[in-house]
Amino acid sequence: MPKNLIKRFTPNHETIRNHKHLKVFGQLLHDPNLWHLNRRSVAGAFAVGLFWALIPIPFQMIAAAATAIPVRVNMPISVALVWITNPLTMPPLFYFTYLVGTWIMGNPASNGDFEPTMEWFSHSMGSIWQPLYLGSLVCALIAALIGYLSIRGLWRMHIISNWKHRRGPK
């Protein structure tokens, strides 16, 4: 994969080390494996980031960082990928994961009147949390596996292409 492209979009090490929410990790952020751009580190970072992006919890970025540290994958990529779920994409993604959860559980999806208010959400959470979290977990695991395998495959294809280009025409 083009390292320069990835480096251009990731923040530098000092910015992340000094981030107010990540200071809790202290010296753990000085592990060089958290900043390497190699096939294993980037593919693992995609798996971690995609997993936490599809789990509906607050502070997904901290969860991604906390997972990237012991797994020793690229932390900036892991943290950045959780922004796949942003205020625009959250409603359709989590509705889809809710539908997956209802399908797995064999329950019909609730067709109640949806209102994007905290009152509606807190009132309905008692009936939707199980299919929502089950569907989110299943979708997160599948997305993490697909992301990991896709990055490994794309990275390998890029390396093979570079080898062929270096050899030149036969």
N, C-alpha and C. Protein backbone atom coordinates (compact mmCIF):
# COMPACT_ATOMS: atom_id res chain seq x y z
N MET A 1 0.85 -1.17 0.00
CA MET A 1 0.00 0.00 0.00
C MET A 1 0.89 1.24 0.00
N PRO A 2 0.43 2.30 -0.58
CA PRO A 2 1.24 3.52 -0.60
C PRO A 2 1.37 4.14 0.78
N LYS A 3 2.54 3.98 1.36
CA LYS A 3 2.77 4.48 2.72
C LYS A 3 2.62 5.99 2.79
N ASN A 4 3.05 6.69 1.74
CA ASN A 4 2.96 8.15 1.77
C ASN A 4 1.52 8.63 1.85
N LEU A 5 0.61 7.93 1.19
CA LEU A 5 -0.80 8.30 1.24
C LEU A 5 -1.34 8.10 2.65
N ILE A 6 -1.00 6.98 3.26
CA ILE A 6 -1.46 6.71 4.62
C ILE A 6 -0.86 7.72 5.59
N LYS A 7 0.43 8.02 5.45
CA LYS A 7 1.08 8.97 6.34
C LYS A 7 0.49 10.37 6.22
N ARG A 8 0.04 10.72 5.03
CA ARG A 8 -0.52 12.05 4.80
C ARG A 8 -1.81 12.26 5.60
N PHE A 9 -2.59 11.22 5.78
CA PHE A 9 -3.88 11.35 6.44
C PHE A 9 -3.88 10.98 7.92
N THR A 10 -2.76 10.50 8.44
CA THR A 10 -2.71 10.15 9.86
C THR A 10 -1.99 11.25 10.63
N PRO A 11 -2.46 11.54 11.83
CA PRO A 11 -1.78 12.57 12.63
C PRO A 11 -0.42 12.07 13.10
N ASN A 12 0.45 13.02 13.45
CA ASN A 12 1.79 12.61 13.88
C ASN A 12 1.74 12.04 15.30
N HIS A 13 2.83 11.41 15.69
CA HIS A 13 2.89 10.69 16.96
C HIS A 13 2.67 11.61 18.15
N GLU A 14 3.29 12.77 18.11
CA GLU A 14 3.21 13.68 19.26
C GLU A 14 1.79 14.19 19.47
N THR A 15 1.06 14.44 18.41
CA THR A 15 -0.32 14.89 18.54
C THR A 15 -1.15 13.85 19.27
N ILE A 16 -0.97 12.60 18.92
CA ILE A 16 -1.74 11.53 19.56
C ILE A 16 -1.26 11.30 20.99
N ARG A 17 0.04 11.29 21.21
CA ARG A 17 0.57 11.07 22.55
C ARG A 17 0.10 12.16 23.52
N ASN A 18 -0.09 13.38 23.02
CA ASN A 18 -0.49 14.49 23.88
C ASN A 18 -1.99 14.73 23.90
N HIS A 19 -2.77 13.90 23.24
CA HIS A 19 -4.23 14.07 23.22
C HIS A 19 -4.76 13.86 24.64
N LYS A 20 -5.67 14.74 25.06
CA LYS A 20 -6.14 14.73 26.45
C LYS A 20 -6.81 13.42 26.84
N HIS A 21 -7.52 12.77 25.92
CA HIS A 21 -8.22 11.53 26.27
C HIS A 21 -7.30 10.30 26.22
N LEU A 22 -6.16 10.43 25.55
CA LEU A 22 -5.27 9.28 25.41
C LEU A 22 -4.10 9.32 26.39
N LYS A 23 -4.00 10.37 27.19
CA LYS A 23 -2.91 10.44 28.18
C LYS A 23 -3.02 9.36 29.22
N VAL A 24 -4.21 8.77 29.38
CA VAL A 24 -4.41 7.70 30.35
C VAL A 24 -3.52 6.49 30.02
N PHE A 25 -3.11 6.35 28.77
CA PHE A 25 -2.28 5.21 28.37
C PHE A 25 -0.80 5.44 28.66
N GLY A 26 -0.40 6.67 28.96
CA GLY A 26 0.96 7.00 29.39
C GLY A 26 2.05 6.47 28.49
N GLN A 27 2.98 5.72 29.10
CA GLN A 27 4.16 5.23 28.39
C GLN A 27 3.84 4.15 27.35
N LEU A 28 2.66 3.57 27.44
CA LEU A 28 2.29 2.54 26.46
C LEU A 28 2.25 3.10 25.04
N LEU A 29 2.03 4.40 24.91
CA LEU A 29 1.97 5.02 23.58
C LEU A 29 3.35 5.16 22.93
N HIS A 30 4.41 4.84 23.65
CA HIS A 30 5.76 4.96 23.10
C HIS A 30 6.22 3.68 22.41
N ASP A 31 5.38 2.67 22.35
CA ASP A 31 5.71 1.43 21.65
C ASP A 31 5.78 1.72 20.15
N PRO A 32 6.91 1.49 19.50
CA PRO A 32 7.04 1.81 18.08
C PRO A 32 6.09 1.01 17.18
N ASN A 33 5.63 -0.15 17.65
CA ASN A 33 4.72 -0.94 16.83
C ASN A 33 3.38 -0.25 16.62
N LEU A 34 3.03 0.68 17.48
CA LEU A 34 1.77 1.40 17.34
C LEU A 34 1.81 2.41 16.20
N TRP A 35 2.99 2.67 15.66
CA TRP A 35 3.13 3.70 14.64
C TRP A 35 3.64 3.15 13.31
N HIS A 36 4.01 1.87 13.26
CA HIS A 36 4.55 1.29 12.02
C HIS A 36 3.46 1.15 10.97
N LEU A 37 3.90 1.29 9.73
CA LEU A 37 3.01 1.07 8.59
C LEU A 37 3.53 -0.14 7.82
N ASN A 38 3.12 -1.32 8.26
CA ASN A 38 3.44 -2.52 7.53
C ASN A 38 2.15 -3.33 7.36
N ARG A 39 2.21 -4.39 6.60
CA ARG A 39 1.01 -5.15 6.27
C ARG A 39 0.29 -5.67 7.51
N ARG A 40 0.99 -6.21 8.45
CA ARG A 40 0.37 -6.75 9.65
C ARG A 40 -0.27 -5.65 10.49
N SER A 41 0.46 -4.56 10.68
CA SER A 41 -0.01 -3.49 11.53
C SER A 41 -1.23 -2.77 10.94
N VAL A 42 -1.20 -2.49 9.66
CA VAL A 42 -2.31 -1.78 9.02
C VAL A 42 -3.54 -2.69 8.91
N ALA A 43 -3.35 -3.94 8.55
CA ALA A 43 -4.49 -4.86 8.46
C ALA A 43 -5.13 -5.05 9.84
N GLY A 44 -4.31 -5.20 10.86
CA GLY A 44 -4.85 -5.33 12.21
C GLY A 44 -5.56 -4.06 12.66
N ALA A 45 -5.03 -2.91 12.27
CA ALA A 45 -5.66 -1.64 12.63
C ALA A 45 -7.03 -1.52 11.96
N PHE A 46 -7.14 -1.98 10.73
CA PHE A 46 -8.45 -1.97 10.06
C PHE A 46 -9.44 -2.87 10.80
N ALA A 47 -8.98 -4.02 11.24
CA ALA A 47 -9.86 -4.92 11.96
C ALA A 47 -10.33 -4.28 13.27
N VAL A 48 -9.42 -3.70 14.02
CA VAL A 48 -9.77 -3.07 15.29
C VAL A 48 -10.70 -1.88 15.07
N GLY A 49 -10.36 -1.02 14.12
CA GLY A 49 -11.17 0.17 13.87
C GLY A 49 -12.56 -0.16 13.37
N LEU A 50 -12.66 -1.12 12.45
CA LEU A 50 -13.98 -1.49 11.93
C LEU A 50 -14.82 -2.17 13.00
N PHE A 51 -14.18 -2.97 13.84
CA PHE A 51 -14.92 -3.61 14.91
C PHE A 51 -15.56 -2.57 15.83
N TRP A 52 -14.76 -1.64 16.34
CA TRP A 52 -15.29 -0.67 17.29
C TRP A 52 -16.21 0.35 16.63
N ALA A 53 -16.07 0.56 15.34
CA ALA A 53 -16.97 1.48 14.65
C ALA A 53 -18.40 0.97 14.66
N LEU A 54 -18.58 -0.34 14.67
CA LEU A 54 -19.92 -0.91 14.60
C LEU A 54 -20.50 -1.31 15.94
N ILE A 55 -19.80 -1.00 17.01
CA ILE A 55 -20.32 -1.27 18.35
C ILE A 55 -20.88 0.05 18.90
N PRO A 56 -22.17 0.10 19.21
CA PRO A 56 -22.76 1.37 19.65
C PRO A 56 -22.47 1.70 21.11
N ILE A 57 -21.29 2.25 21.33
CA ILE A 57 -20.90 2.68 22.67
C ILE A 57 -20.35 4.10 22.56
N PRO A 58 -20.38 4.84 23.65
CA PRO A 58 -19.71 6.15 23.62
C PRO A 58 -18.19 5.94 23.71
N PHE A 59 -17.46 6.91 23.23
CA PHE A 59 -15.99 6.90 23.27
C PHE A 59 -15.40 5.71 22.52
N GLN A 60 -15.86 5.50 21.31
CA GLN A 60 -15.34 4.40 20.48
C GLN A 60 -13.85 4.58 20.20
N MET A 61 -13.40 5.82 20.09
CA MET A 61 -11.99 6.06 19.80
C MET A 61 -11.10 5.55 20.93
N ILE A 62 -11.53 5.72 22.16
CA ILE A 62 -10.73 5.25 23.29
C ILE A 62 -10.73 3.72 23.32
N ALA A 63 -11.86 3.11 22.99
CA ALA A 63 -11.92 1.64 22.93
C ALA A 63 -10.99 1.12 21.83
N ALA A 64 -10.96 1.80 20.69
CA ALA A 64 -10.07 1.38 19.60
C ALA A 64 -8.60 1.53 20.01
N ALA A 65 -8.27 2.63 20.67
CA ALA A 65 -6.89 2.83 21.13
C ALA A 65 -6.52 1.79 22.19
N ALA A 66 -7.45 1.52 23.10
CA ALA A 66 -7.19 0.53 24.15
C ALA A 66 -7.01 -0.87 23.58
N THR A 67 -7.63 -1.16 22.47
CA THR A 67 -7.46 -2.46 21.82
C THR A 67 -6.18 -2.49 20.98
N ALA A 68 -5.87 -1.40 20.31
CA ALA A 68 -4.69 -1.35 19.44
C ALA A 68 -3.40 -1.51 20.24
N ILE A 69 -3.39 -1.02 21.46
CA ILE A 69 -2.14 -1.08 22.25
C ILE A 69 -1.73 -2.51 22.58
N PRO A 70 -2.59 -3.34 23.19
CA PRO A 70 -2.13 -4.71 23.48
C PRO A 70 -1.98 -5.58 22.23
N VAL A 71 -2.77 -5.29 21.20
CA VAL A 71 -2.68 -6.07 19.96
C VAL A 71 -1.47 -5.62 19.14
N ARG A 72 -0.96 -4.42 19.44
CA ARG A 72 0.23 -3.85 18.80
C ARG A 72 0.04 -3.65 17.31
N VAL A 73 -1.05 -2.92 16.98
CA VAL A 73 -1.32 -2.54 15.60
C VAL A 73 -1.31 -1.03 15.51
N ASN A 74 -1.34 -0.49 14.31
CA ASN A 74 -1.25 0.94 14.09
C ASN A 74 -2.42 1.66 14.75
N MET A 75 -2.11 2.42 15.78
CA MET A 75 -3.16 3.07 16.55
C MET A 75 -3.82 4.24 15.82
N PRO A 76 -3.11 5.10 15.10
CA PRO A 76 -3.81 6.19 14.41
C PRO A 76 -4.86 5.69 13.42
N ILE A 77 -4.56 4.62 12.71
CA ILE A 77 -5.52 4.08 11.75
C ILE A 77 -6.71 3.47 12.49
N SER A 78 -6.45 2.76 13.57
CA SER A 78 -7.54 2.17 14.36
C SER A 78 -8.48 3.24 14.88
N VAL A 79 -7.92 4.29 15.42
CA VAL A 79 -8.73 5.36 15.99
C VAL A 79 -9.47 6.12 14.90
N ALA A 80 -8.83 6.37 13.78
CA ALA A 80 -9.49 7.12 12.70
C ALA A 80 -10.65 6.34 12.09
N LEU A 81 -10.53 5.03 12.02
CA LEU A 81 -11.58 4.24 11.37
C LEU A 81 -12.90 4.21 12.14
N VAL A 82 -12.88 4.49 13.42
CA VAL A 82 -14.15 4.49 14.14
C VAL A 82 -15.05 5.62 13.67
N TRP A 83 -14.49 6.59 12.96
CA TRP A 83 -15.31 7.69 12.44
C TRP A 83 -16.13 7.29 11.23
N ILE A 84 -16.08 6.01 10.87
CA ILE A 84 -17.03 5.51 9.87
C ILE A 84 -18.44 5.72 10.40
N THR A 85 -18.59 5.53 11.70
CA THR A 85 -19.88 5.84 12.32
C THR A 85 -19.81 7.26 12.86
N ASN A 86 -20.39 8.15 12.13
CA ASN A 86 -20.45 9.56 12.50
C ASN A 86 -21.92 9.95 12.56
N PRO A 87 -22.25 11.15 12.93
CA PRO A 87 -23.67 11.51 13.04
C PRO A 87 -24.51 11.27 11.79
N LEU A 88 -23.89 11.27 10.62
CA LEU A 88 -24.64 11.00 9.39
C LEU A 88 -24.84 9.52 9.11
N THR A 89 -23.86 8.72 9.47
CA THR A 89 -23.94 7.29 9.14
C THR A 89 -24.48 6.42 10.28
N MET A 90 -24.50 6.94 11.49
CA MET A 90 -24.97 6.14 12.63
C MET A 90 -26.40 5.62 12.46
N PRO A 91 -27.36 6.46 12.16
CA PRO A 91 -28.73 5.93 12.08
C PRO A 91 -28.90 4.76 11.11
N PRO A 92 -28.43 4.87 9.84
CA PRO A 92 -28.64 3.72 8.96
C PRO A 92 -27.81 2.49 9.35
N LEU A 93 -26.57 2.71 9.82
CA LEU A 93 -25.74 1.56 10.20
C LEU A 93 -26.31 0.83 11.40
N PHE A 94 -26.70 1.56 12.42
CA PHE A 94 -27.21 0.89 13.61
C PHE A 94 -28.62 0.35 13.40
N TYR A 95 -29.39 0.95 12.49
CA TYR A 95 -30.68 0.35 12.16
C TYR A 95 -30.46 -0.98 11.44
N PHE A 96 -29.46 -1.01 10.55
CA PHE A 96 -29.13 -2.25 9.87
C PHE A 96 -28.68 -3.31 10.87
N THR A 97 -27.82 -2.94 11.82
CA THR A 97 -27.37 -3.93 12.80
C THR A 97 -28.53 -4.39 13.68
N TYR A 98 -29.47 -3.49 13.97
CA TYR A 98 -30.68 -3.88 14.71
C TYR A 98 -31.48 -4.91 13.92
N LEU A 99 -31.63 -4.67 12.61
CA LEU A 99 -32.37 -5.63 11.77
C LEU A 99 -31.65 -6.98 11.72
N VAL A 100 -30.33 -6.97 11.65
CA VAL A 100 -29.57 -8.22 11.68
C VAL A 100 -29.81 -8.95 13.00
N GLY A 101 -29.79 -8.20 14.09
CA GLY A 101 -30.03 -8.80 15.39
C GLY A 101 -31.43 -9.40 15.51
N THR A 102 -32.44 -8.70 15.00
CA THR A 102 -33.80 -9.26 15.05
C THR A 102 -33.91 -10.50 14.18
N TRP A 103 -33.20 -10.50 13.05
CA TRP A 103 -33.22 -11.67 12.16
C TRP A 103 -32.56 -12.87 12.85
N ILE A 104 -31.43 -12.65 13.52
CA ILE A 104 -30.74 -13.74 14.22
C ILE A 104 -31.60 -14.28 15.36
N MET A 105 -32.23 -13.38 16.10
CA MET A 105 -33.04 -13.78 17.23
C MET A 105 -34.40 -14.34 16.82
N GLY A 106 -34.78 -14.13 15.57
CA GLY A 106 -36.06 -14.62 15.09
C GLY A 106 -37.24 -13.78 15.55
N ASN A 107 -36.95 -12.55 15.94
CA ASN A 107 -38.00 -11.63 16.38
C ASN A 107 -38.36 -10.67 15.25
N PRO A 108 -39.60 -10.23 15.21
CA PRO A 108 -39.93 -9.21 14.21
C PRO A 108 -39.35 -7.87 14.64
N ALA A 109 -38.96 -7.08 13.66
CA ALA A 109 -38.43 -5.75 13.95
C ALA A 109 -39.55 -4.85 14.43
N SER A 110 -39.24 -4.01 15.38
CA SER A 110 -40.24 -3.08 15.91
C SER A 110 -40.50 -2.00 14.88
N ASN A 111 -41.74 -1.82 14.52
CA ASN A 111 -42.11 -0.79 13.55
C ASN A 111 -42.77 0.39 14.24
N GLY A 112 -42.39 0.66 15.48
CA GLY A 112 -42.97 1.77 16.23
C GLY A 112 -42.61 3.09 15.60
N ASP A 113 -43.26 4.13 16.07
CA ASP A 113 -42.99 5.46 15.56
C ASP A 113 -41.64 5.93 16.06
N PHE A 114 -40.72 6.07 15.16
CA PHE A 114 -39.37 6.51 15.50
C PHE A 114 -39.35 8.03 15.60
N GLU A 115 -38.75 8.53 16.65
CA GLU A 115 -38.52 9.96 16.83
C GLU A 115 -37.07 10.13 17.26
N PRO A 116 -36.33 10.96 16.57
CA PRO A 116 -34.91 11.14 16.93
C PRO A 116 -34.73 12.02 18.16
N THR A 117 -35.28 11.58 19.28
CA THR A 117 -35.14 12.32 20.54
C THR A 117 -34.57 11.38 21.60
N MET A 118 -33.96 11.98 22.60
CA MET A 118 -33.41 11.17 23.69
C MET A 118 -34.53 10.50 24.48
N GLU A 119 -35.69 11.14 24.57
CA GLU A 119 -36.82 10.56 25.29
C GLU A 119 -37.28 9.27 24.61
N TRP A 120 -37.42 9.31 23.27
CA TRP A 120 -37.83 8.11 22.54
C TRP A 120 -36.78 7.02 22.70
N PHE A 121 -35.52 7.41 22.56
CA PHE A 121 -34.44 6.43 22.64
C PHE A 121 -34.39 5.77 24.02
N SER A 122 -34.47 6.58 25.08
CA SER A 122 -34.42 5.99 26.42
C SER A 122 -35.64 5.13 26.71
N HIS A 123 -36.80 5.51 26.16
CA HIS A 123 -38.01 4.72 26.35
C HIS A 123 -37.95 3.40 25.57
N SER A 124 -37.36 3.41 24.38
CA SER A 124 -37.33 2.23 23.51
C SER A 124 -36.13 1.33 23.75
N MET A 125 -35.12 1.82 24.43
CA MET A 125 -33.90 1.03 24.60
C MET A 125 -34.16 -0.30 25.29
N GLY A 126 -35.14 -0.36 26.18
CA GLY A 126 -35.46 -1.61 26.86
C GLY A 126 -35.87 -2.72 25.92
N SER A 127 -36.49 -2.37 24.81
CA SER A 127 -36.96 -3.39 23.87
C SER A 127 -36.02 -3.62 22.69
N ILE A 128 -35.11 -2.68 22.42
CA ILE A 128 -34.26 -2.83 21.24
C ILE A 128 -32.82 -3.17 21.56
N TRP A 129 -32.39 -3.13 22.82
CA TRP A 129 -30.97 -3.27 23.09
C TRP A 129 -30.43 -4.64 22.76
N GLN A 130 -31.17 -5.71 23.00
CA GLN A 130 -30.64 -7.05 22.72
C GLN A 130 -30.41 -7.28 21.23
N PRO A 131 -31.39 -7.05 20.37
CA PRO A 131 -31.11 -7.25 18.94
C PRO A 131 -30.09 -6.24 18.41
N LEU A 132 -30.09 -5.02 18.95
CA LEU A 132 -29.13 -4.01 18.49
C LEU A 132 -27.71 -4.46 18.78
N TYR A 133 -27.44 -4.87 20.00
CA TYR A 133 -26.07 -5.26 20.36
C TYR A 133 -25.67 -6.60 19.76
N LEU A 134 -26.59 -7.54 19.63
CA LEU A 134 -26.27 -8.81 18.98
C LEU A 134 -25.93 -8.57 17.51
N GLY A 135 -26.78 -7.81 16.84
CA GLY A 135 -26.52 -7.49 15.43
C GLY A 135 -25.25 -6.69 15.25
N SER A 136 -24.99 -5.77 16.17
CA SER A 136 -23.77 -4.97 16.09
C SER A 136 -22.53 -5.84 16.27
N LEU A 137 -22.59 -6.77 17.22
CA LEU A 137 -21.45 -7.66 17.45
C LEU A 137 -21.18 -8.54 16.22
N VAL A 138 -22.24 -9.11 15.65
CA VAL A 138 -22.07 -9.97 14.47
C VAL A 138 -21.53 -9.16 13.30
N CYS A 139 -22.12 -8.00 13.04
CA CYS A 139 -21.66 -7.16 11.93
C CYS A 139 -20.24 -6.65 12.16
N ALA A 140 -19.90 -6.33 13.41
CA ALA A 140 -18.56 -5.85 13.73
C ALA A 140 -17.52 -6.94 13.49
N LEU A 141 -17.82 -8.16 13.89
CA LEU A 141 -16.88 -9.26 13.66
C LEU A 141 -16.69 -9.54 12.17
N ILE A 142 -17.78 -9.52 11.42
CA ILE A 142 -17.70 -9.75 9.98
C ILE A 142 -16.93 -8.62 9.30
N ALA A 143 -17.23 -7.36 9.67
CA ALA A 143 -16.53 -6.22 9.07
C ALA A 143 -15.04 -6.26 9.41
N ALA A 144 -14.71 -6.63 10.65
CA ALA A 144 -13.30 -6.71 11.05
C ALA A 144 -12.56 -7.78 10.24
N LEU A 145 -13.20 -8.93 10.06
CA LEU A 145 -12.57 -10.00 9.28
C LEU A 145 -12.40 -9.60 7.81
N ILE A 146 -13.45 -9.02 7.24
CA ILE A 146 -13.37 -8.58 5.83
C ILE A 146 -12.31 -7.48 5.67
N GLY A 147 -12.28 -6.53 6.60
CA GLY A 147 -11.29 -5.46 6.53
C GLY A 147 -9.87 -5.99 6.64
N TYR A 148 -9.65 -6.91 7.58
CA TYR A 148 -8.33 -7.48 7.76
C TYR A 148 -7.88 -8.23 6.51
N LEU A 149 -8.73 -9.12 6.01
CA LEU A 149 -8.36 -9.91 4.83
C LEU A 149 -8.21 -9.04 3.58
N SER A 150 -9.04 -8.01 3.46
CA SER A 150 -8.96 -7.12 2.29
C SER A 150 -7.64 -6.35 2.28
N ILE A 151 -7.26 -5.81 3.41
CA ILE A 151 -6.01 -5.05 3.47
C ILE A 151 -4.82 -5.97 3.24
N ARG A 152 -4.84 -7.15 3.82
CA ARG A 152 -3.75 -8.10 3.57
C ARG A 152 -3.64 -8.43 2.09
N GLY A 153 -4.81 -8.68 1.46
CA GLY A 153 -4.81 -9.01 0.03
C GLY A 153 -4.38 -7.84 -0.84
N LEU A 154 -4.89 -6.64 -0.56
CA LEU A 154 -4.51 -5.47 -1.34
C LEU A 154 -3.03 -5.15 -1.19
N TRP A 155 -2.52 -5.30 0.01
CA TRP A 155 -1.10 -5.04 0.26
C TRP A 155 -0.24 -6.04 -0.51
N ARG A 156 -0.66 -7.30 -0.49
CA ARG A 156 0.08 -8.34 -1.22
C ARG A 156 0.05 -8.09 -2.72
N MET A 157 -1.12 -7.71 -3.24
CA MET A 157 -1.22 -7.40 -4.67
C MET A 157 -0.32 -6.22 -5.04
N HIS A 158 -0.25 -5.23 -4.17
CA HIS A 158 0.61 -4.08 -4.42
C HIS A 158 2.08 -4.49 -4.46
N ILE A 159 2.49 -5.36 -3.55
CA ILE A 159 3.87 -5.82 -3.51
C ILE A 159 4.20 -6.64 -4.77
N ILE A 160 3.29 -7.52 -5.16
CA ILE A 160 3.51 -8.33 -6.37
C ILE A 160 3.61 -7.44 -7.59
N SER A 161 2.76 -6.43 -7.65
CA SER A 161 2.80 -5.48 -8.77
C SER A 161 4.13 -4.75 -8.82
N ASN A 162 4.63 -4.34 -7.66
CA ASN A 162 5.93 -3.67 -7.63
C ASN A 162 7.05 -4.61 -8.05
N TRP A 163 7.01 -5.87 -7.64
CA TRP A 163 8.03 -6.84 -8.07
C TRP A 163 8.02 -7.00 -9.58
N LYS A 164 6.83 -7.14 -10.14
CA LYS A 164 6.73 -7.30 -11.60
C LYS A 164 7.23 -6.06 -12.32
N HIS A 165 6.94 -4.90 -11.76
CA HIS A 165 7.39 -3.66 -12.38
C HIS A 165 8.91 -3.54 -12.32
N ARG A 166 9.52 -3.98 -11.23
CA ARG A 166 10.97 -3.92 -11.09
C ARG A 166 11.68 -4.87 -12.06
N ARG A 167 11.07 -6.03 -12.27
CA ARG A 167 11.68 -7.01 -13.18
C ARG A 167 11.73 -6.49 -14.61
N GLY A 168 10.72 -5.72 -14.96
CA GLY A 168 10.65 -5.18 -16.30
C GLY A 168 10.08 -6.21 -17.27
N PRO A 169 9.96 -5.83 -18.53
CA PRO A 169 9.40 -6.78 -19.52
C PRO A 169 10.38 -7.91 -19.80
N LYS A 170 9.79 -9.09 -20.08
CA LYS A 170 10.63 -10.27 -20.35
C LYS A 170 10.88 -10.41 -21.81
